[in-house]
PDB file of N, CA and C in Angstrom:
ATOM      1  N   MET A   1      12.687 -20.933  -5.940  1.00  0.00           N
ATOM      2  CA  MET A   1      11.593 -20.342  -6.537  1.00  0.00           C
ATOM      3  C   MET A   1      11.602 -19.005  -6.029  1.00  0.00           C
ATOM      4  N   PRO A   2      11.323 -18.106  -6.461  1.00  0.00           N
ATOM      5  CA  PRO A   2      11.483 -16.749  -6.502  1.00  0.00           C
ATOM      6  C   PRO A   2       9.689 -16.433  -6.148  1.00  0.00           C
ATOM      7  N   ASN A   3       9.125 -15.246  -5.415  1.00  0.00           N
ATOM      8  CA  ASN A   3       8.105 -15.759  -4.849  1.00  0.00           C
ATOM      9  C   ASN A   3       7.898 -13.938  -5.281  1.00  0.00           C
ATOM     10  N   MET A   4       6.543 -13.639  -4.121  1.00  0.00           N
ATOM     11  CA  MET A   4       6.707 -12.204  -5.109  1.00  0.00           C
ATOM     12  C   MET A   4       5.437 -11.809  -3.493  1.00  0.00           C
ATOM     13  N   ARG A   5       6.230 -10.748  -3.175  1.00  0.00           N
ATOM     14  CA  ARG A   5       5.799  -9.876  -2.438  1.00  0.00           C
ATOM     15  C   ARG A   5       5.498  -8.559  -2.453  1.00  0.00           C
ATOM     16  N   PHE A   6       4.844  -7.384  -1.373  1.00  0.00           N
ATOM     17  CA  PHE A   6       3.955  -5.935  -2.721  1.00  0.00           C
ATOM     18  C   PHE A   6       5.413  -5.762  -1.183  1.00  0.00           C
ATOM     19  N   ASP A   7       4.670  -3.852  -1.772  1.00  0.00           N
ATOM     20  CA  ASP A   7       6.368  -3.109  -1.804  1.00  0.00           C
ATOM     21  C   ASP A   7       5.746  -2.118  -0.925  1.00  0.00           C
ATOM     22  N   THR A   8       5.400  -2.179   0.624  1.00  0.00           N
ATOM     23  CA  THR A   8       4.523  -1.108   1.161  1.00  0.00           C
ATOM     24  C   THR A   8       4.675  -0.359   1.832  1.00  0.00           C
ATOM     25  N   GLY A   9       5.837  -0.517   1.859  1.00  0.00           N
ATOM     26  CA  GLY A   9       6.858   0.842   1.775  1.00  0.00           C
ATOM     27  C   GLY A   9       6.652   2.217   0.558  1.00  0.00           C
ATOM     28  N   ARG A  10       6.937   0.868  -0.268  1.00  0.00           N
ATOM     29  CA  ARG A  10       7.288   1.748  -1.244  1.00  0.00           C
ATOM     30  C   ARG A  10       5.979   2.736  -1.965  1.00  0.00           C
ATOM     31  N   LEU A  11       5.097   2.418  -1.916  1.00  0.00           N
ATOM     32  CA  LEU A  11       3.534   2.911  -1.920  1.00  0.00           C
ATOM     33  C   LEU A  11       3.385   3.835  -1.239  1.00  0.00           C
ATOM     34  N   ILE A  12       4.050   3.848   0.440  1.00  0.00           N
ATOM     35  CA  ILE A  12       3.054   4.175   1.618  1.00  0.00           C
ATOM     36  C   ILE A  12       3.987   6.092   0.187  1.00  0.00           C
ATOM     37  N   ALA A  13       5.147   5.593   0.562  1.00  0.00           N
ATOM     38  CA  ALA A  13       6.069   6.969   0.125  1.00  0.00           C
ATOM     39  C   ALA A  13       5.837   7.082  -1.466  1.00  0.00           C
ATOM     40  N   ASP A  14       5.696   6.573  -2.000  1.00  0.00           N
ATOM     41  CA  ASP A  14       5.233   6.801  -3.120  1.00  0.00           C
ATOM     42  C   ASP A  14       3.297   8.236  -3.016  1.00  0.00           C
ATOM     43  N   LEU A  15       3.203   7.895  -1.595  1.00  0.00           N
ATOM     44  CA  LEU A  15       1.442   8.401  -1.883  1.00  0.00           C
ATOM     45  C   LEU A  15       2.051   9.922  -0.781  1.00  0.00           C
ATOM     46  N   GLY A  16       3.084  10.073  -1.068  1.00  0.00           N
ATOM     47  CA  GLY A  16       2.818  10.982   0.413  1.00  0.00           C
ATOM     48  C   GLY A  16       3.333  10.586   1.821  1.00  0.00           C
ATOM     49  N   GLY A  17       3.833   9.416   2.366  1.00  0.00           N
ATOM     50  CA  GLY A  17       3.116   9.170   4.111  1.00  0.00           C
ATOM     51  C   GLY A  17       3.009   8.011   4.007  1.00  0.00           C
ATOM     52  N   ALA A  18       2.471   7.792   5.414  1.00  0.00           N
ATOM     53  CA  ALA A  18       1.847   7.577   5.600  1.00  0.00           C
ATOM     54  C   ALA A  18       0.850   7.894   6.717  1.00  0.00           C
ATOM     55  N   SER A  19       0.935   9.520   6.721  1.00  0.00           N
ATOM     56  CA  SER A  19       0.007  10.899   7.883  1.00  0.00           C
ATOM     57  C   SER A  19      -1.122  11.028   6.371  1.00  0.00           C
ATOM     58  N   ALA A  20      -0.765  11.322   4.933  1.00  0.00           N
ATOM     59  CA  ALA A  20      -0.643  11.579   4.208  1.00  0.00           C
ATOM     60  C   ALA A  20      -2.191  10.527   3.630  1.00  0.00           C
ATOM     61  N   VAL A  21      -1.730   9.187   3.751  1.00  0.00           N
ATOM     62  CA  VAL A  21      -2.715   7.906   2.990  1.00  0.00           C
ATOM     63  C   VAL A  21      -3.821   7.812   3.915  1.00  0.00           C
ATOM     64  N   ALA A  22      -3.099   7.777   5.012  1.00  0.00           N
ATOM     65  CA  ALA A  22      -4.264   7.667   5.845  1.00  0.00           C
ATOM     66  C   ALA A  22      -5.005   8.672   6.446  1.00  0.00           C
ATOM     67  N   ARG A  23      -4.781   9.699   6.604  1.00  0.00           N
ATOM     68  CA  ARG A  23      -6.025  10.802   6.019  1.00  0.00           C
ATOM     69  C   ARG A  23      -7.158  11.076   4.477  1.00  0.00           C
ATOM     70  N   SER A  24      -6.365  10.641   3.102  1.00  0.00           N
ATOM     71  CA  SER A  24      -7.274  10.131   2.407  1.00  0.00           C
ATOM     72  C   SER A  24      -7.585   8.839   2.945  1.00  0.00           C
ATOM     73  N   LEU A  25      -7.676   8.455   3.065  1.00  0.00           N
ATOM     74  CA  LEU A  25      -8.482   6.662   3.377  1.00  0.00           C
ATOM     75  C   LEU A  25      -9.388   6.924   4.666  1.00  0.00           C
ATOM     76  N   GLY A  26      -9.465   7.425   5.231  1.00  0.00           N
ATOM     77  CA  GLY A  26      -9.819   8.340   6.822  1.00  0.00           C
ATOM     78  C   GLY A  26      -9.493   6.949   7.105  1.00  0.00           C
ATOM     79  N   LEU A  27      -8.416   6.971   7.603  1.00  0.00           N
ATOM     80  CA  LEU A  27      -7.892   5.808   8.393  1.00  0.00           C
ATOM     81  C   LEU A  27      -7.294   6.424   9.533  1.00  0.00           C
ATOM     82  N   THR A  28      -6.417   5.615  10.652  1.00  0.00           N
ATOM     83  CA  THR A  28      -5.053   6.381  12.070  1.00  0.00           C
ATOM     84  C   THR A  28      -4.661   6.466  11.290  1.00  0.00           C
ATOM     85  N   ARG A  29      -3.146   6.984  12.165  1.00  0.00           N
ATOM     86  CA  ARG A  29      -1.881   6.751  10.947  1.00  0.00           C
ATOM     87  C   ARG A  29      -1.095   6.268  10.897  1.00  0.00           C
ATOM     88  N   THR A  30      -1.486   5.431  11.666  1.00  0.00           N
ATOM     89  CA  THR A  30      -0.519   4.688  12.621  1.00  0.00           C
ATOM     90  C   THR A  30      -1.420   3.214  10.841  1.00  0.00           C
ATOM     91  N   SER A  31      -1.841   2.808  10.654  1.00  0.00           N
ATOM     92  CA  SER A  31      -2.592   1.692  10.163  1.00  0.00           C
ATOM     93  C   SER A  31      -1.839   1.502   9.081  1.00  0.00           C
ATOM     94  N   PRO A  32      -1.598   2.227   7.746  1.00  0.00           N
ATOM     95  CA  PRO A  32      -0.230   2.547   6.621  1.00  0.00           C
ATOM     96  C   PRO A  32       0.875   0.996   7.045  1.00  0.00           C
ATOM     97  N   TYR A  33       1.230   1.581   8.226  1.00  0.00           N
ATOM     98  CA  TYR A  33       2.516   0.649   8.694  1.00  0.00           C
ATOM     99  C   TYR A  33       1.464  -1.302   8.707  1.00  0.00           C
ATOM    100  N   LYS A  34       0.827  -1.151  10.248  1.00  0.00           N
ATOM    101  CA  LYS A  34       0.368  -2.502   9.736  1.00  0.00           C
ATOM    102  C   LYS A  34       0.158  -3.422   8.749  1.00  0.00           C
ATOM    103  N   TRP A  35       0.224  -2.794   8.000  1.00  0.00           N
ATOM    104  CA  TRP A  35      -0.467  -2.688   5.952  1.00  0.00           C
ATOM    105  C   TRP A  35       1.112  -3.815   6.163  1.00  0.00           C
ATOM    106  N   ALA A  36       2.665  -2.891   6.074  1.00  0.00           N
ATOM    107  CA  ALA A  36       3.492  -3.473   6.244  1.00  0.00           C
ATOM    108  C   ALA A  36       3.382  -4.898   6.717  1.00  0.00           C
ATOM    109  N   GLU A  37       3.616  -5.171   8.109  1.00  0.00           N
ATOM    110  CA  GLU A  37       3.416  -6.201   9.336  1.00  0.00           C
ATOM    111  C   GLU A  37       3.175  -7.161   8.474  1.00  0.00           C
ATOM    112  N   ARG A  38       1.319  -6.998   8.509  1.00  0.00           N
ATOM    113  CA  ARG A  38       0.700  -8.110   6.828  1.00  0.00           C
ATOM    114  C   ARG A  38       1.458  -8.300   5.833  1.00  0.00           C
ATOM    115  N   GLY A  39       2.068  -8.326   5.113  1.00  0.00           N
ATOM    116  CA  GLY A  39       2.951  -7.978   3.956  1.00  0.00           C
ATOM    117  C   GLY A  39       2.385  -7.130   2.833  1.00  0.00           C
ATOM    118  N   GLY A  40       1.578  -6.697   3.342  1.00  0.00           N
ATOM    119  CA  GLY A  40       0.477  -5.389   1.984  1.00  0.00           C
ATOM    120  C   GLY A  40      -1.070  -4.833   2.621  1.00  0.00           C
ATOM    121  N   PRO A  41      -1.641  -4.241   1.355  1.00  0.00           N
ATOM    122  CA  PRO A  41      -3.048  -3.968   2.291  1.00  0.00           C
ATOM    123  C   PRO A  41      -3.326  -4.949   1.585  1.00  0.00           C
ATOM    124  N   SER A  42      -5.095  -5.607   2.420  1.00  0.00           N
ATOM    125  CA  SER A  42      -6.026  -6.605   1.655  1.00  0.00           C
ATOM    126  C   SER A  42      -6.023  -5.731   0.871  1.00  0.00           C
ATOM    127  N   ARG A  43      -7.520  -6.202   0.271  1.00  0.00           N
ATOM    128  CA  ARG A  43      -7.470  -7.110  -1.346  1.00  0.00           C
ATOM    129  C   ARG A  43      -8.633  -5.184  -1.261  1.00  0.00           C
ATOM    130  N   ALA A  44      -9.567  -5.774  -0.194  1.00  0.00           N
ATOM    131  CA  ALA A  44     -10.761  -4.795   0.486  1.00  0.00           C
ATOM    132  C   ALA A  44      -9.959  -2.904  -0.098  1.00  0.00           C
ATOM    133  N   MET A  45      -8.456  -2.927   1.044  1.00  0.00           N
ATOM    134  CA  MET A  45      -7.880  -1.261   1.387  1.00  0.00           C
ATOM    135  C   MET A  45      -7.429  -0.813  -0.517  1.00  0.00           C
ATOM    136  N   MET A  46      -6.672  -2.263  -1.308  1.00  0.00           N
ATOM    137  CA  MET A  46      -5.997  -1.673  -2.204  1.00  0.00           C
ATOM    138  C   MET A  46      -6.766  -1.274  -3.426  1.00  0.00           C
ATOM    139  N   LEU A  47      -8.168  -1.591  -3.163  1.00  0.00           N
ATOM    140  CA  LEU A  47      -9.783  -0.973  -3.372  1.00  0.00           C
ATOM    141  C   LEU A  47      -9.668   0.061  -3.175  1.00  0.00           C
ATOM    142  N   ARG A  48     -10.324   1.081  -1.857  1.00  0.00           N
ATOM    143  CA  ARG A  48     -10.291   1.950  -1.931  1.00  0.00           C
ATOM    144  C   ARG A  48      -8.712   2.460  -1.976  1.00  0.00           C
ATOM    145  N   ILE A  49      -7.782   2.755  -1.752  1.00  0.00           N
ATOM    146  CA  ILE A  49      -6.291   3.017  -2.447  1.00  0.00           C
ATOM    147  C   ILE A  49      -6.470   3.095  -3.824  1.00  0.00           C
ATOM    148  N   LYS A  50      -6.711   2.903  -4.333  1.00  0.00           N
ATOM    149  CA  LYS A  50      -6.948   2.804  -5.451  1.00  0.00           C
ATOM    150  C   LYS A  50      -8.568   3.933  -6.253  1.00  0.00           C
ATOM    151  N   ALA A  51      -9.809   3.285  -5.436  1.00  0.00           N
ATOM    152  CA  ALA A  51     -10.684   4.753  -5.574  1.00  0.00           C
ATOM    153  C   ALA A  51     -10.440   5.647  -5.349  1.00  0.00           C
ATOM    154  N   ALA A  52      -9.029   6.048  -3.865  1.00  0.00           N
ATOM    155  CA  ALA A  52      -8.203   7.143  -3.594  1.00  0.00           C
ATOM    156  C   ALA A  52      -7.505   7.898  -4.498  1.00  0.00           C
ATOM    157  N   TYR A  53      -6.719   6.960  -4.934  1.00  0.00           N
ATOM    158  CA  TYR A  53      -5.351   7.945  -6.770  1.00  0.00           C
ATOM    159  C   TYR A  53      -6.142   6.822  -7.645  1.00  0.00           C
ATOM    160  N   PRO A  54      -6.385   7.323  -8.112  1.00  0.00           N
ATOM    161  CA  PRO A  54      -7.359   5.951  -9.834  1.00  0.00           C
ATOM    162  C   PRO A  54      -6.119   5.777 -10.827  1.00  0.00           C
ATOM    163  N   ASP A  55      -4.240   6.964 -11.163  1.00  0.00           N
ATOM    164  CA  ASP A  55      -3.950   7.069 -11.548  1.00  0.00           C
ATOM    165  C   ASP A  55      -3.369   5.603 -11.410  1.00  0.00           C
ATOM    166  N   ILE A  56      -2.780   5.661 -10.054  1.00  0.00           N
ATOM    167  CA  ILE A  56      -1.999   4.920  -9.046  1.00  0.00           C
ATOM    168  C   ILE A  56      -1.931   3.048  -9.420  1.00  0.00           C
ATOM    169  N   ASN A  57      -1.332   2.740  -9.751  1.00  0.00           N
ATOM    170  CA  ASN A  57      -0.623   1.111 -10.774  1.00  0.00           C
ATOM    171  C   ASN A  57      -0.584  -0.247  -9.819  1.00  0.00           C
ATOM    172  N   LEU A  58      -0.812  -0.218  -8.794  1.00  0.00           N
ATOM    173  CA  LEU A  58      -1.087  -1.175  -7.904  1.00  0.00           C
ATOM    174  C   LEU A  58      -0.073  -2.523  -8.170  1.00  0.00           C
ATOM    175  N   GLY A  59      -0.426  -3.200  -9.634  1.00  0.00           N
ATOM    176  CA  GLY A  59       0.743  -4.177  -9.520  1.00  0.00           C
ATOM    177  C   GLY A  59       2.446  -3.040 -10.008  1.00  0.00           C
ATOM    178  N   ASP A  60       2.351  -1.965  -9.764  1.00  0.00           N
ATOM    179  CA  ASP A  60       3.366  -2.140 -10.037  1.00  0.00           C
ATOM    180  C   ASP A  60       4.945  -2.687  -8.938  1.00  0.00           C
ATOM    181  N   TYR A  61       3.916  -2.411  -7.781  1.00  0.00           N
ATOM    182  CA  TYR A  61       4.516  -2.654  -5.834  1.00  0.00           C
ATOM    183  C   TYR A  61       4.609  -3.952  -5.515  1.00  0.00           C
ATOM    184  N   PHE A  62       3.576  -4.895  -6.708  1.00  0.00           N
ATOM    185  CA  PHE A  62       4.619  -6.490  -6.536  1.00  0.00           C
ATOM    186  C   PHE A  62       5.815  -7.511  -7.156  1.00  0.00           C
ATOM    187  N   VAL A  63       6.826  -7.305  -6.156  1.00  0.00           N
ATOM    188  CA  VAL A  63       8.370  -7.491  -6.866  1.00  0.00           C
ATOM    189  C   VAL A  63       8.558  -8.764  -6.549  1.00  0.00           C
ATOM    190  N   MET A  64       9.631  -9.146  -7.581  1.00  0.00           N
ATOM    191  CA  MET A  64       9.954 -10.035  -7.189  1.00  0.00           C
ATOM    192  C   MET A  64      11.033 -10.058  -5.640  1.00  0.00           C
ATOM    193  N   GLU A  65      11.037 -11.828  -5.347  1.00  0.00           N
ATOM    194  CA  GLU A  65      11.787 -11.963  -3.989  1.00  0.00           C
ATOM    195  C   GLU A  65      12.331 -13.642  -4.033  1.00  0.00           C
ATOM    196  N   ASN A  66      14.234 -14.124  -4.258  1.00  0.00           N
ATOM    197  CA  ASN A  66      14.533 -14.808  -3.821  1.00  0.00           C
ATOM    198  C   ASN A  66      13.983 -15.645  -2.523  1.00  0.00           C
TER     199      ASN A  66
END
């Protein structure tokens, strides 16, 4: 049965890289990389991302995995 996963790497790349994302969210440069280790940003962090990047559709970053 397929599972859904969050494509953290693509999100970070689409937003300009880890440093740019961290700077816009007031985080350390390594924080976005930690999201990948945990399977994606937390719901609270997704809200912060959406506030900082209102035009982004976070649903686009959920992908099917076999």
